[in-house]
Amino acid sequence: MTPRQKKLIGAVAIPVWIAIYALIVMRLAVDILPNAHWLVELLFYALAGTLWIIPVGLALPWMHREPKR
């Protein structure tokens, strides 16, 4: 796979991932947080706000890796 193809796949997959992740987090927040303690809310949003980066952080090096020759 060429670097150009990898970057195209990543450019499409990353925004799709973020949109799906945001929908999942919103649904969890509606189910979990209405009667939760403020500390639970803080932890939830702190985790939800940072966990999305793991798949993106794994995708970026893959996108920019040069093909083996």
C-alpha atoms as a PDB file:
ATOM      1  CA  MET A   1       0.000   0.000   0.000  1.00  0.00           C
ATOM      2  CA  THR A   2       1.386   3.366  -0.961  1.00  0.00           C
ATOM      3  CA  PRO A   3       1.780   6.211   1.527  1.00  0.00           C
ATOM      4  CA  ARG A   4      -0.800   8.177  -0.429  1.00  0.00           C
ATOM      5  CA  GLN A   5      -3.393   5.410  -0.019  1.00  0.00           C
ATOM      6  CA  LYS A   6      -2.620   5.129   3.692  1.00  0.00           C
ATOM      7  CA  LYS A   7      -3.075   8.859   4.187  1.00  0.00           C
ATOM      8  CA  LEU A   8      -6.381   8.784   2.312  1.00  0.00           C
ATOM      9  CA  ILE A   9      -7.648   5.903   4.454  1.00  0.00           C
ATOM     10  CA  GLY A  10      -6.532   7.702   7.610  1.00  0.00           C
ATOM     11  CA  ALA A  11      -8.044  11.003   6.493  1.00  0.00           C
ATOM     12  CA  VAL A  12     -11.403   9.287   6.102  1.00  0.00           C
ATOM     13  CA  ALA A  13     -11.196   6.884   9.052  1.00  0.00           C
ATOM     14  CA  ILE A  14     -10.128   9.369  11.739  1.00  0.00           C
ATOM     15  CA  PRO A  15     -13.120  11.753  11.408  1.00  0.00           C
ATOM     16  CA  VAL A  16     -15.474   8.773  11.144  1.00  0.00           C
ATOM     17  CA  TRP A  17     -13.952   7.282  14.302  1.00  0.00           C
ATOM     18  CA  ILE A  18     -14.260  10.562  16.198  1.00  0.00           C
ATOM     19  CA  ALA A  19     -17.922  10.960  15.188  1.00  0.00           C
ATOM     20  CA  ILE A  20     -18.795   7.398  16.231  1.00  0.00           C
ATOM     21  CA  TYR A  21     -16.841   7.761  19.473  1.00  0.00           C
ATOM     22  CA  ALA A  22     -18.618  11.029  20.294  1.00  0.00           C
ATOM     23  CA  LEU A  23     -22.017   9.392  19.771  1.00  0.00           C
ATOM     24  CA  ILE A  24     -21.076   6.482  22.027  1.00  0.00           C
ATOM     25  CA  VAL A  25     -19.795   8.821  24.747  1.00  0.00           C
ATOM     26  CA  MET A  26     -22.923  10.968  24.547  1.00  0.00           C
ATOM     27  CA  ARG A  27     -25.116   7.898  24.911  1.00  0.00           C
ATOM     28  CA  LEU A  28     -23.102   6.684  27.903  1.00  0.00           C
ATOM     29  CA  ALA A  29     -23.297  10.132  29.484  1.00  0.00           C
ATOM     30  CA  VAL A  30     -27.078  10.155  29.158  1.00  0.00           C
ATOM     31  CA  ASP A  31     -27.295   6.726  30.785  1.00  0.00           C
ATOM     32  CA  ILE A  32     -24.697   7.182  33.527  1.00  0.00           C
ATOM     33  CA  LEU A  33     -24.471  10.823  34.525  1.00  0.00           C
ATOM     34  CA  PRO A  34     -27.947  12.255  35.259  1.00  0.00           C
ATOM     35  CA  ASN A  35     -27.827  11.365  38.965  1.00  0.00           C
ATOM     36  CA  ALA A  36     -24.091  10.926  39.328  1.00  0.00           C
ATOM     37  CA  HIS A  37     -21.870  12.643  41.845  1.00  0.00           C
ATOM     38  CA  TRP A  38     -19.840  15.535  40.451  1.00  0.00           C
ATOM     39  CA  LEU A  39     -16.616  13.572  40.895  1.00  0.00           C
ATOM     40  CA  VAL A  40     -17.968  10.738  38.730  1.00  0.00           C
ATOM     41  CA  GLU A  41     -18.877  13.302  36.071  1.00  0.00           C
ATOM     42  CA  LEU A  42     -15.406  14.796  36.237  1.00  0.00           C
ATOM     43  CA  LEU A  43     -13.736  11.402  35.842  1.00  0.00           C
ATOM     44  CA  PHE A  44     -16.096  10.392  33.048  1.00  0.00           C
ATOM     45  CA  TYR A  45     -15.432  13.513  30.999  1.00  0.00           C
ATOM     46  CA  ALA A  46     -11.690  13.389  31.683  1.00  0.00           C
ATOM     47  CA  LEU A  47     -11.488   9.800  30.461  1.00  0.00           C
ATOM     48  CA  ALA A  48     -13.873  10.305  27.559  1.00  0.00           C
ATOM     49  CA  GLY A  49     -11.980  13.392  26.491  1.00  0.00           C
ATOM     50  CA  THR A  50      -8.656  11.579  26.298  1.00  0.00           C
ATOM     51  CA  LEU A  51      -9.410   7.984  25.300  1.00  0.00           C
ATOM     52  CA  TRP A  52     -10.346   8.880  21.714  1.00  0.00           C
ATOM     53  CA  ILE A  53      -6.720   9.716  21.008  1.00  0.00           C
ATOM     54  CA  ILE A  54      -5.452   6.136  21.442  1.00  0.00           C
ATOM     55  CA  PRO A  55      -6.717   4.811  18.084  1.00  0.00           C
ATOM     56  CA  VAL A  56      -5.765   8.072  16.367  1.00  0.00           C
ATOM     57  CA  GLY A  57      -2.315   7.906  17.924  1.00  0.00           C
ATOM     58  CA  LEU A  58      -1.895   4.401  16.542  1.00  0.00           C
ATOM     59  CA  ALA A  59      -3.189   5.367  13.096  1.00  0.00           C
ATOM     60  CA  LEU A  60      -0.925   8.369  12.555  1.00  0.00           C
ATOM     61  CA  PRO A  61       2.416   6.494  12.625  1.00  0.00           C
ATOM     62  CA  TRP A  62       0.908   3.845  10.336  1.00  0.00           C
ATOM     63  CA  MET A  63      -0.214   6.536   7.896  1.00  0.00           C
ATOM     64  CA  HIS A  64       3.220   8.145   7.734  1.00  0.00           C
ATOM     65  CA  ARG A  65       5.337   4.986   7.725  1.00  0.00           C
ATOM     66  CA  GLU A  66       7.355   4.539   4.547  1.00  0.00           C
ATOM     67  CA  PRO A  67       6.873   1.256   2.695  1.00  0.00           C
ATOM     68  CA  LYS A  68       9.563  -1.376   3.088  1.00  0.00           C
ATOM     69  CA  ARG A  69      11.752  -1.819   0.049  1.00  0.00           C
END
